[in-house]
Amino acid sequence: MAVALLDLVEKVLRVAKQALGNHAGKPESGGLPREAHIVAHCIRKEEGHTFTELVDRLGLMPEVCDCLGIHPEALPDPTTFYHSLDRYAMYVWRALLRVSEQQLRQSGHVALDSTFFDRDQPSQYYLQRQSRTVTTVKATTLTDIESLAVLDVHCCIEREHDTKAGPRVVRRNADDLRAVVADNGFQDWHTEYELSAYDLDYRVHHRGSKPMAVAHNALNQTNSYTQRWMVATSYSTTKRTQASALRSRFWYRQFREIVLMFALHNIKKTATKL
């Protein structure tokens, strides 16, 4: 899904200012406005650039530089954008995701599912030196089944079971939800009992072929359970347009990169299509 870059930059800039709130603008020490760093990271993810390539491309886009408050002949060093991913805590990127999904119409009916992102690394030597054996990061998300907006995401490197990760995401957004559909990987009676207290319809596919499970699954099929597949569409769109591999080396940067990818996925739905 190709979008007009300048329009995307303007949309991201507005969302970033809302996410930063009173902290938007230039820091007291000077430099670029804080929202300009977020926009730069979105451009980098959308175009698939490295930090060095990002600075080089910005020099060729005077209109984008004008929006970000950057002079094309006085561009910042690539390390400036690299370190801003560390300086902005995780709650900033989560705020960006939350504001981005608010730009789209919410139905209250969401799908709960998980996907994996590859931890792309430059060499096997680096993996051996870091004693790294986990090659993927798991992301559990809530996706609106009508607008395909990603509402929330929970990231983990350890193989946390869906019945543990799923309730965490649902609890954070329970006040805004009406119904949640999920596959049998999230089926657990402890979870169903807990989520029933939030006054939402938790439609999860039950395992087995016992009459009770068959009847429960048949009832789910008549209550829009089949729309759960739409969450896979949001995963496919995000990975095809932004790449499925994570370039950051450290796990905490990879978590922020995943949240940024889904926030950009939401914002692109509001941008002008080419």
C-alpha atoms as a PDB file:
ATOM      1  CA  MET A   1       0.000   0.000   0.000  1.00  0.00           C
ATOM      2  CA  ALA A   2       1.919   3.010  -1.334  1.00  0.00           C
ATOM      3  CA  VAL A   3       1.153   6.387   0.199  1.00  0.00           C
ATOM      4  CA  ALA A   4       2.175   9.964  -0.570  1.00  0.00           C
ATOM      5  CA  LEU A   5       5.306  10.568   1.495  1.00  0.00           C
ATOM      6  CA  LEU A   6       4.702  14.253   2.216  1.00  0.00           C
ATOM      7  CA  ASP A   7       1.133  13.592   3.321  1.00  0.00           C
ATOM      8  CA  LEU A   8       2.376  10.713   5.509  1.00  0.00           C
ATOM      9  CA  VAL A   9       4.958  13.020   7.095  1.00  0.00           C
ATOM     10  CA  GLU A  10       2.276  15.596   7.914  1.00  0.00           C
ATOM     11  CA  LYS A  11       0.008  12.927   9.409  1.00  0.00           C
ATOM     12  CA  VAL A  12       2.801  11.430  11.523  1.00  0.00           C
ATOM     13  CA  LEU A  13       3.887  14.895  12.670  1.00  0.00           C
ATOM     14  CA  ARG A  14       0.389  15.704  13.922  1.00  0.00           C
ATOM     15  CA  VAL A  15       0.036  12.343  15.692  1.00  0.00           C
ATOM     16  CA  ALA A  16       3.511  12.655  17.239  1.00  0.00           C
ATOM     17  CA  LYS A  17       2.669  16.081  18.677  1.00  0.00           C
ATOM     18  CA  GLN A  18      -0.492  14.674  20.235  1.00  0.00           C
ATOM     19  CA  ALA A  19       1.415  11.707  21.686  1.00  0.00           C
ATOM     20  CA  LEU A  20       4.130  13.923  23.186  1.00  0.00           C
ATOM     21  CA  GLY A  21       1.641  16.428  24.573  1.00  0.00           C
ATOM     22  CA  ASN A  22       3.361  19.139  26.633  1.00  0.00           C
ATOM     23  CA  HIS A  23       6.751  17.641  25.783  1.00  0.00           C
ATOM     24  CA  ALA A  24       6.414  18.423  22.068  1.00  0.00           C
ATOM     25  CA  GLY A  25       8.775  21.025  20.600  1.00  0.00           C
ATOM     26  CA  LYS A  26      12.477  21.651  20.953  1.00  0.00           C
ATOM     27  CA  PRO A  27      14.211  20.607  24.186  1.00  0.00           C
ATOM     28  CA  GLU A  28      15.765  23.288  26.382  1.00  0.00           C
ATOM     29  CA  SER A  29      19.233  22.156  25.304  1.00  0.00           C
ATOM     30  CA  GLY A  30      18.342  22.921  21.683  1.00  0.00           C
ATOM     31  CA  GLY A  31      18.384  20.688  18.657  1.00  0.00           C
ATOM     32  CA  LEU A  32      15.546  19.172  16.662  1.00  0.00           C
ATOM     33  CA  PRO A  33      11.947  19.183  17.907  1.00  0.00           C
ATOM     34  CA  ARG A  34      11.132  15.912  19.658  1.00  0.00           C
ATOM     35  CA  GLU A  35       8.366  15.077  17.198  1.00  0.00           C
ATOM     36  CA  ALA A  36      10.863  15.419  14.306  1.00  0.00           C
ATOM     37  CA  HIS A  37      12.756  12.389  15.626  1.00  0.00           C
ATOM     38  CA  ILE A  38       9.583  10.295  15.618  1.00  0.00           C
ATOM     39  CA  VAL A  39       8.771  11.357  12.057  1.00  0.00           C
ATOM     40  CA  ALA A  40      12.319  10.523  10.963  1.00  0.00           C
ATOM     41  CA  HIS A  41      12.009   7.015  12.401  1.00  0.00           C
ATOM     42  CA  CYS A  42       8.713   6.537  10.571  1.00  0.00           C
ATOM     43  CA  ILE A  43      10.307   7.616   7.286  1.00  0.00           C
ATOM     44  CA  ARG A  44      13.166   5.203   7.913  1.00  0.00           C
ATOM     45  CA  LYS A  45      10.763   2.298   8.513  1.00  0.00           C
ATOM     46  CA  GLU A  46       8.553   3.183   5.550  1.00  0.00           C
ATOM     47  CA  GLU A  47      11.449   3.511   3.098  1.00  0.00           C
ATOM     48  CA  GLY A  48      13.631   0.755   4.603  1.00  0.00           C
ATOM     49  CA  HIS A  49      16.669   3.027   5.063  1.00  0.00           C
ATOM     50  CA  THR A  50      19.580   2.779   7.444  1.00  0.00           C
ATOM     51  CA  PHE A  51      20.281   5.819   9.634  1.00  0.00           C
ATOM     52  CA  THR A  52      23.011   6.975   7.253  1.00  0.00           C
ATOM     53  CA  GLU A  53      20.736   6.578   4.229  1.00  0.00           C
ATOM     54  CA  LEU A  54      17.974   8.426   6.080  1.00  0.00           C
ATOM     55  CA  VAL A  55      20.087  11.545   6.512  1.00  0.00           C
ATOM     56  CA  ASP A  56      21.226  11.355   2.883  1.00  0.00           C
ATOM     57  CA  ARG A  57      17.620  11.083   1.611  1.00  0.00           C
ATOM     58  CA  LEU A  58      16.423  13.937   3.825  1.00  0.00           C
ATOM     59  CA  GLY A  59      18.923  16.204   2.084  1.00  0.00           C
ATOM     60  CA  LEU A  60      17.073  15.499  -1.184  1.00  0.00           C
ATOM     61  CA  MET A  61      13.624  16.293   0.243  1.00  0.00           C
ATOM     62  CA  PRO A  62      13.457  20.026   1.067  1.00  0.00           C
ATOM     63  CA  GLU A  63       9.683  19.982   1.655  1.00  0.00           C
ATOM     64  CA  VAL A  64      10.023  17.203   4.238  1.00  0.00           C
ATOM     65  CA  CYS A  65      12.909  19.035   5.894  1.00  0.00           C
ATOM     66  CA  ASP A  66      10.781  22.160   6.061  1.00  0.00           C
ATOM     67  CA  CYS A  67       8.018  20.233   7.878  1.00  0.00           C
ATOM     68  CA  LEU A  68      10.534  18.855  10.380  1.00  0.00           C
ATOM     69  CA  GLY A  69      12.321  22.152  10.945  1.00  0.00           C
ATOM     70  CA  ILE A  70      15.581  20.875   9.441  1.00  0.00           C
ATOM     71  CA  HIS A  71      17.773  22.845   7.056  1.00  0.00           C
ATOM     72  CA  PRO A  72      18.768  20.627   4.077  1.00  0.00           C
ATOM     73  CA  GLU A  73      22.331  21.960   4.207  1.00  0.00           C
ATOM     74  CA  ALA A  74      22.714  21.470   7.981  1.00  0.00           C
ATOM     75  CA  LEU A  75      21.421  17.946   8.528  1.00  0.00           C
ATOM     76  CA  PRO A  76      22.032  16.215  11.879  1.00  0.00           C
ATOM     77  CA  ASP A  77      24.466  13.340  12.208  1.00  0.00           C
ATOM     78  CA  PRO A  78      22.958   9.830  11.739  1.00  0.00           C
ATOM     79  CA  THR A  79      23.834   9.018  15.354  1.00  0.00           C
ATOM     80  CA  THR A  80      21.398  11.746  16.453  1.00  0.00           C
ATOM     81  CA  PHE A  81      18.475   9.684  15.180  1.00  0.00           C
ATOM     82  CA  TYR A  82      20.064   6.436  16.336  1.00  0.00           C
ATOM     83  CA  HIS A  83      20.305   7.569  19.959  1.00  0.00           C
ATOM     84  CA  SER A  84      16.827   9.134  19.979  1.00  0.00           C
ATOM     85  CA  LEU A  85      15.381   5.619  19.848  1.00  0.00           C
ATOM     86  CA  ASP A  86      17.031   5.071  23.230  1.00  0.00           C
ATOM     87  CA  ARG A  87      16.170   8.462  24.719  1.00  0.00           C
ATOM     88  CA  TYR A  88      12.452   8.081  24.110  1.00  0.00           C
ATOM     89  CA  ALA A  89      11.110   5.607  26.660  1.00  0.00           C
ATOM     90  CA  MET A  90       8.673   2.854  25.756  1.00  0.00           C
ATOM     91  CA  TYR A  91       5.681   4.834  27.034  1.00  0.00           C
ATOM     92  CA  VAL A  92       6.322   7.446  24.317  1.00  0.00           C
ATOM     93  CA  TRP A  93       6.044   4.844  21.560  1.00  0.00           C
ATOM     94  CA  ARG A  94       2.966   3.333  23.219  1.00  0.00           C
ATOM     95  CA  ALA A  95       1.407   6.796  23.336  1.00  0.00           C
ATOM     96  CA  LEU A  96       2.137   7.111  19.617  1.00  0.00           C
ATOM     97  CA  LEU A  97       0.365   3.789  18.989  1.00  0.00           C
ATOM     98  CA  ARG A  98      -2.596   4.806  21.134  1.00  0.00           C
ATOM     99  CA  VAL A  99      -3.041   8.152  19.375  1.00  0.00           C
ATOM    100  CA  SER A 100      -2.584   6.550  15.943  1.00  0.00           C
ATOM    101  CA  GLU A 101      -5.428   4.075  16.508  1.00  0.00           C
ATOM    102  CA  GLN A 102      -7.656   6.902  17.695  1.00  0.00           C
ATOM    103  CA  GLN A 103      -7.431   8.383  14.183  1.00  0.00           C
ATOM    104  CA  LEU A 104      -9.473   5.422  12.910  1.00  0.00           C
ATOM    105  CA  ARG A 105     -13.044   4.441  13.677  1.00  0.00           C
ATOM    106  CA  GLN A 106     -13.302   1.867  16.486  1.00  0.00           C
ATOM    107  CA  SER A 107     -16.019  -0.785  16.563  1.00  0.00           C
ATOM    108  CA  GLY A 108     -15.210  -2.287  19.967  1.00  0.00           C
ATOM    109  CA  HIS A 109     -14.973  -5.750  18.354  1.00  0.00           C
ATOM    110  CA  VAL A 110     -11.345  -6.882  18.259  1.00  0.00           C
ATOM    111  CA  ALA A 111      -9.294  -9.949  17.409  1.00  0.00           C
ATOM    112  CA  LEU A 112      -6.592 -11.239  19.742  1.00  0.00           C
ATOM    113  CA  ASP A 113      -3.666 -12.964  18.044  1.00  0.00           C
ATOM    114  CA  SER A 114       0.127 -13.306  17.988  1.00  0.00           C
ATOM    115  CA  THR A 115       2.825 -13.056  15.333  1.00  0.00           C
ATOM    116  CA  PHE A 116       6.606 -13.337  15.204  1.00  0.00           C
ATOM    117  CA  PHE A 117       9.281 -10.979  13.900  1.00  0.00           C
ATOM    118  CA  ASP A 118      12.751 -12.162  12.925  1.00  0.00           C
ATOM    119  CA  ARG A 119      15.692 -10.647  14.803  1.00  0.00           C
ATOM    120  CA  ASP A 120      17.858  -9.781  11.801  1.00  0.00           C
ATOM    121  CA  GLN A 121      21.575  -9.603  12.660  1.00  0.00           C
ATOM    122  CA  PRO A 122      24.664  -8.794  10.568  1.00  0.00           C
ATOM    123  CA  SER A 123      26.647 -11.961  11.333  1.00  0.00           C
ATOM    124  CA  GLN A 124      26.658 -15.282  13.156  1.00  0.00           C
ATOM    125  CA  TYR A 125      29.771 -14.109  14.998  1.00  0.00           C
ATOM    126  CA  TYR A 126      27.713 -11.417  16.732  1.00  0.00           C
ATOM    127  CA  LEU A 127      25.121 -14.000  17.779  1.00  0.00           C
ATOM    128  CA  GLN A 128      27.796 -16.266  19.243  1.00  0.00           C
ATOM    129  CA  ARG A 129      29.510 -13.400  21.029  1.00  0.00           C
ATOM    130  CA  GLN A 130      26.216 -12.340  22.622  1.00  0.00           C
ATOM    131  CA  SER A 131      25.293 -15.978  23.420  1.00  0.00           C
ATOM    132  CA  ARG A 132      22.004 -15.350  21.635  1.00  0.00           C
ATOM    133  CA  THR A 133      19.853 -18.325  20.718  1.00  0.00           C
ATOM    134  CA  VAL A 134      16.412 -16.702  20.340  1.00  0.00           C
ATOM    135  CA  THR A 135      15.984 -15.556  16.743  1.00  0.00           C
ATOM    136  CA  THR A 136      12.433 -14.160  16.896  1.00  0.00           C
ATOM    137  CA  VAL A 137      10.354 -11.730  18.953  1.00  0.00           C
ATOM    138  CA  LYS A 138       6.723 -12.543  19.727  1.00  0.00           C
ATOM    139  CA  ALA A 139       4.092  -9.805  19.494  1.00  0.00           C
ATOM    140  CA  THR A 140       0.553 -10.273  20.829  1.00  0.00           C
ATOM    141  CA  THR A 141      -1.867  -7.668  19.498  1.00  0.00           C
ATOM    142  CA  LEU A 142      -5.442  -6.454  19.662  1.00  0.00           C
ATOM    143  CA  THR A 143      -6.758  -5.540  16.209  1.00  0.00           C
ATOM    144  CA  ASP A 144     -10.088  -3.938  15.397  1.00  0.00           C
ATOM    145  CA  ILE A 145     -11.857  -6.306  13.004  1.00  0.00           C
ATOM    146  CA  GLU A 146     -13.493  -3.490  11.005  1.00  0.00           C
ATOM    147  CA  SER A 147     -10.827  -0.804  10.615  1.00  0.00           C
ATOM    148  CA  LEU A 148      -7.859  -3.215  11.059  1.00  0.00           C
ATOM    149  CA  ALA A 149      -6.304  -0.703  13.456  1.00  0.00           C
ATOM    150  CA  VAL A 150      -3.840  -2.242  15.919  1.00  0.00           C
ATOM    151  CA  LEU A 151      -4.958  -1.041  19.357  1.00  0.00           C
ATOM    152  CA  ASP A 152      -2.250  -2.496  21.572  1.00  0.00           C
ATOM    153  CA  VAL A 153       0.739  -4.828  21.437  1.00  0.00           C
ATOM    154  CA  HIS A 154       2.625  -6.910  23.982  1.00  0.00           C
ATOM    155  CA  CYS A 155       6.177  -7.966  23.061  1.00  0.00           C
ATOM    156  CA  CYS A 156       8.275 -10.731  24.590  1.00  0.00           C
ATOM    157  CA  ILE A 157      11.410 -12.678  23.723  1.00  0.00           C
ATOM    158  CA  GLU A 158      10.776 -15.666  25.962  1.00  0.00           C
ATOM    159  CA  ARG A 159       8.151 -18.103  24.723  1.00  0.00           C
ATOM    160  CA  GLU A 160       5.359 -16.778  26.911  1.00  0.00           C
ATOM    161  CA  HIS A 161       2.162 -18.757  26.362  1.00  0.00           C
ATOM    162  CA  ASP A 162      -0.789 -17.041  24.706  1.00  0.00           C
ATOM    163  CA  THR A 163      -2.932 -17.626  27.790  1.00  0.00           C
ATOM    164  CA  LYS A 164      -0.491 -15.434  29.750  1.00  0.00           C
ATOM    165  CA  ALA A 165       0.153 -12.698  27.197  1.00  0.00           C
ATOM    166  CA  GLY A 166      -3.432 -12.400  25.932  1.00  0.00           C
ATOM    167  CA  PRO A 167      -5.116 -11.309  29.192  1.00  0.00           C
ATOM    168  CA  ARG A 168      -2.450  -8.634  29.721  1.00  0.00           C
ATOM    169  CA  VAL A 169      -3.379  -6.931  26.467  1.00  0.00           C
ATOM    170  CA  VAL A 170      -7.117  -7.289  27.047  1.00  0.00           C
ATOM    171  CA  ARG A 171      -6.946  -5.917  30.607  1.00  0.00           C
ATOM    172  CA  ARG A 172      -5.235  -2.724  29.441  1.00  0.00           C
ATOM    173  CA  ASN A 173      -8.040  -2.011  26.968  1.00  0.00           C
ATOM    174  CA  ALA A 174     -11.068  -3.653  28.611  1.00  0.00           C
ATOM    175  CA  ASP A 175     -12.947  -0.365  29.089  1.00  0.00           C
ATOM    176  CA  ASP A 176     -12.981   0.286  25.332  1.00  0.00           C
ATOM    177  CA  LEU A 177     -13.904  -3.246  24.180  1.00  0.00           C
ATOM    178  CA  ARG A 178     -17.227  -4.948  23.557  1.00  0.00           C
ATOM    179  CA  ALA A 179     -16.127  -8.332  22.192  1.00  0.00           C
ATOM    180  CA  VAL A 180     -12.842 -10.214  21.780  1.00  0.00           C
ATOM    181  CA  VAL A 181     -12.353 -13.169  19.417  1.00  0.00           C
ATOM    182  CA  ALA A 182      -9.355 -15.480  19.699  1.00  0.00           C
ATOM    183  CA  ASP A 183      -8.214 -18.928  18.563  1.00  0.00           C
ATOM    184  CA  ASN A 184      -7.790 -21.975  20.798  1.00  0.00           C
ATOM    185  CA  GLY A 185      -4.260 -20.950  21.760  1.00  0.00           C
ATOM    186  CA  PHE A 186      -5.843 -18.381  24.104  1.00  0.00           C
ATOM    187  CA  GLN A 187      -8.403 -20.824  25.529  1.00  0.00           C
ATOM    188  CA  ASP A 188      -8.059 -21.191  29.280  1.00  0.00           C
ATOM    189  CA  TRP A 189     -10.849 -21.295  31.863  1.00  0.00           C
ATOM    190  CA  HIS A 190      -8.876 -19.072  34.230  1.00  0.00           C
ATOM    191  CA  THR A 191      -8.678 -16.425  31.494  1.00  0.00           C
ATOM    192  CA  GLU A 192     -12.372 -16.721  30.594  1.00  0.00           C
ATOM    193  CA  TYR A 193     -13.370 -16.406  34.247  1.00  0.00           C
ATOM    194  CA  GLU A 194     -11.138 -13.356  34.734  1.00  0.00           C
ATOM    195  CA  LEU A 195     -12.259 -11.536  31.589  1.00  0.00           C
ATOM    196  CA  SER A 196     -15.933 -12.161  32.338  1.00  0.00           C
ATOM    197  CA  ALA A 197     -15.590  -9.599  35.144  1.00  0.00           C
ATOM    198  CA  TYR A 198     -14.860  -6.877  32.562  1.00  0.00           C
ATOM    199  CA  ASP A 199     -18.338  -7.170  30.998  1.00  0.00           C
ATOM    200  CA  LEU A 200     -17.093  -8.059  27.522  1.00  0.00           C
ATOM    201  CA  ASP A 201     -17.895 -10.946  25.203  1.00  0.00           C
ATOM    202  CA  TYR A 202     -14.844 -13.232  25.049  1.00  0.00           C
ATOM    203  CA  ARG A 203     -15.317 -15.527  22.037  1.00  0.00           C
ATOM    204  CA  VAL A 204     -12.523 -18.067  22.086  1.00  0.00           C
ATOM    205  CA  HIS A 205     -12.376 -21.296  20.086  1.00  0.00           C
ATOM    206  CA  HIS A 206     -12.408 -24.326  22.417  1.00  0.00           C
ATOM    207  CA  ARG A 207     -10.201 -27.356  21.889  1.00  0.00           C
ATOM    208  CA  GLY A 208     -11.439 -30.921  21.568  1.00  0.00           C
ATOM    209  CA  SER A 209     -14.564 -32.599  20.210  1.00  0.00           C
ATOM    210  CA  LYS A 210     -16.661 -32.905  23.328  1.00  0.00           C
ATOM    211  CA  PRO A 211     -20.314 -31.871  22.885  1.00  0.00           C
ATOM    212  CA  MET A 212     -19.848 -28.774  25.066  1.00  0.00           C
ATOM    213  CA  ALA A 213     -16.828 -27.615  23.017  1.00  0.00           C
ATOM    214  CA  VAL A 214     -18.589 -28.321  19.705  1.00  0.00           C
ATOM    215  CA  ALA A 215     -21.694 -26.407  20.790  1.00  0.00           C
ATOM    216  CA  HIS A 216     -19.599 -23.479  22.057  1.00  0.00           C
ATOM    217  CA  ASN A 217     -17.645 -23.277  18.779  1.00  0.00           C
ATOM    218  CA  ALA A 218     -20.830 -23.484  16.721  1.00  0.00           C
ATOM    219  CA  LEU A 219     -22.266 -20.565  18.697  1.00  0.00           C
ATOM    220  CA  ASN A 220     -19.081 -18.570  18.067  1.00  0.00           C
ATOM    221  CA  GLN A 221     -19.380 -19.149  14.331  1.00  0.00           C
ATOM    222  CA  THR A 222     -22.750 -17.384  14.347  1.00  0.00           C
ATOM    223  CA  ASN A 223     -21.366 -14.427  16.345  1.00  0.00           C
ATOM    224  CA  SER A 224     -18.800 -13.018  13.884  1.00  0.00           C
ATOM    225  CA  TYR A 225     -15.993 -15.347  15.032  1.00  0.00           C
ATOM    226  CA  THR A 226     -15.005 -15.893  11.388  1.00  0.00           C
ATOM    227  CA  GLN A 227     -13.827 -12.267  11.189  1.00  0.00           C
ATOM    228  CA  ARG A 228     -10.839 -13.212  13.343  1.00  0.00           C
ATOM    229  CA  TRP A 229      -8.829 -13.870  10.176  1.00  0.00           C
ATOM    230  CA  MET A 230      -8.713 -10.124   9.526  1.00  0.00           C
ATOM    231  CA  VAL A 231      -5.984  -9.731  12.148  1.00  0.00           C
ATOM    232  CA  ALA A 232      -3.701 -11.732   9.855  1.00  0.00           C
ATOM    233  CA  THR A 233      -4.341  -9.103   7.177  1.00  0.00           C
ATOM    234  CA  SER A 234      -2.892  -6.376   9.404  1.00  0.00           C
ATOM    235  CA  TYR A 235       0.177  -8.555  10.072  1.00  0.00           C
ATOM    236  CA  SER A 236       0.648  -9.268   6.377  1.00  0.00           C
ATOM    237  CA  THR A 237       0.280  -5.607   5.403  1.00  0.00           C
ATOM    238  CA  THR A 238       2.757  -4.457   8.052  1.00  0.00           C
ATOM    239  CA  LYS A 239       5.399  -7.036   7.165  1.00  0.00           C
ATOM    240  CA  ARG A 240       5.060  -6.624   3.397  1.00  0.00           C
ATOM    241  CA  THR A 241       5.291  -2.840   3.440  1.00  0.00           C
ATOM    242  CA  GLN A 242       7.853  -2.389   6.225  1.00  0.00           C
ATOM    243  CA  ALA A 243       9.815  -5.677   6.246  1.00  0.00           C
ATOM    244  CA  SER A 244       9.358  -8.471   8.771  1.00  0.00           C
ATOM    245  CA  ALA A 245      12.904  -8.441  10.190  1.00  0.00           C
ATOM    246  CA  LEU A 246      13.994  -6.230  13.083  1.00  0.00           C
ATOM    247  CA  ARG A 247      17.254  -4.384  12.500  1.00  0.00           C
ATOM    248  CA  SER A 248      17.935  -3.258  16.056  1.00  0.00           C
ATOM    249  CA  ARG A 249      20.434  -5.371  17.960  1.00  0.00           C
ATOM    250  CA  PHE A 250      19.150  -4.894  21.503  1.00  0.00           C
ATOM    251  CA  TRP A 251      15.855  -6.378  22.674  1.00  0.00           C
ATOM    252  CA  TYR A 252      14.462  -3.146  24.129  1.00  0.00           C
ATOM    253  CA  ARG A 253      15.069  -1.334  20.825  1.00  0.00           C
ATOM    254  CA  GLN A 254      13.364  -4.201  18.994  1.00  0.00           C
ATOM    255  CA  PHE A 255      10.285  -3.816  21.205  1.00  0.00           C
ATOM    256  CA  ARG A 256      10.125  -0.111  20.342  1.00  0.00           C
ATOM    257  CA  GLU A 257      10.626  -0.919  16.688  1.00  0.00           C
ATOM    258  CA  ILE A 258       7.625  -3.274  16.713  1.00  0.00           C
ATOM    259  CA  VAL A 259       5.373  -0.698  18.371  1.00  0.00           C
ATOM    260  CA  LEU A 260       6.551   1.902  15.855  1.00  0.00           C
ATOM    261  CA  MET A 261       5.733  -0.433  12.955  1.00  0.00           C
ATOM    262  CA  PHE A 262       2.150  -0.936  14.104  1.00  0.00           C
ATOM    263  CA  ALA A 263       1.702   2.782  14.812  1.00  0.00           C
ATOM    264  CA  LEU A 264       2.904   3.537  11.284  1.00  0.00           C
ATOM    265  CA  HIS A 265       0.508   0.874   9.977  1.00  0.00           C
ATOM    266  CA  ASN A 266      -2.383   2.754  11.603  1.00  0.00           C
ATOM    267  CA  ILE A 267      -1.292   6.177  10.374  1.00  0.00           C
ATOM    268  CA  LYS A 268      -0.845   4.970   6.785  1.00  0.00           C
ATOM    269  CA  LYS A 269      -4.549   4.113   6.675  1.00  0.00           C
ATOM    270  CA  THR A 270      -5.321   7.818   6.966  1.00  0.00           C
ATOM    271  CA  ALA A 271      -2.699   8.990   4.449  1.00  0.00           C
ATOM    272  CA  THR A 272      -3.298   9.693   0.758  1.00  0.00           C
ATOM    273  CA  LYS A 273      -2.857   6.576  -1.386  1.00  0.00           C
ATOM    274  CA  LEU A 274      -0.830   6.658  -4.597  1.00  0.00           C
END
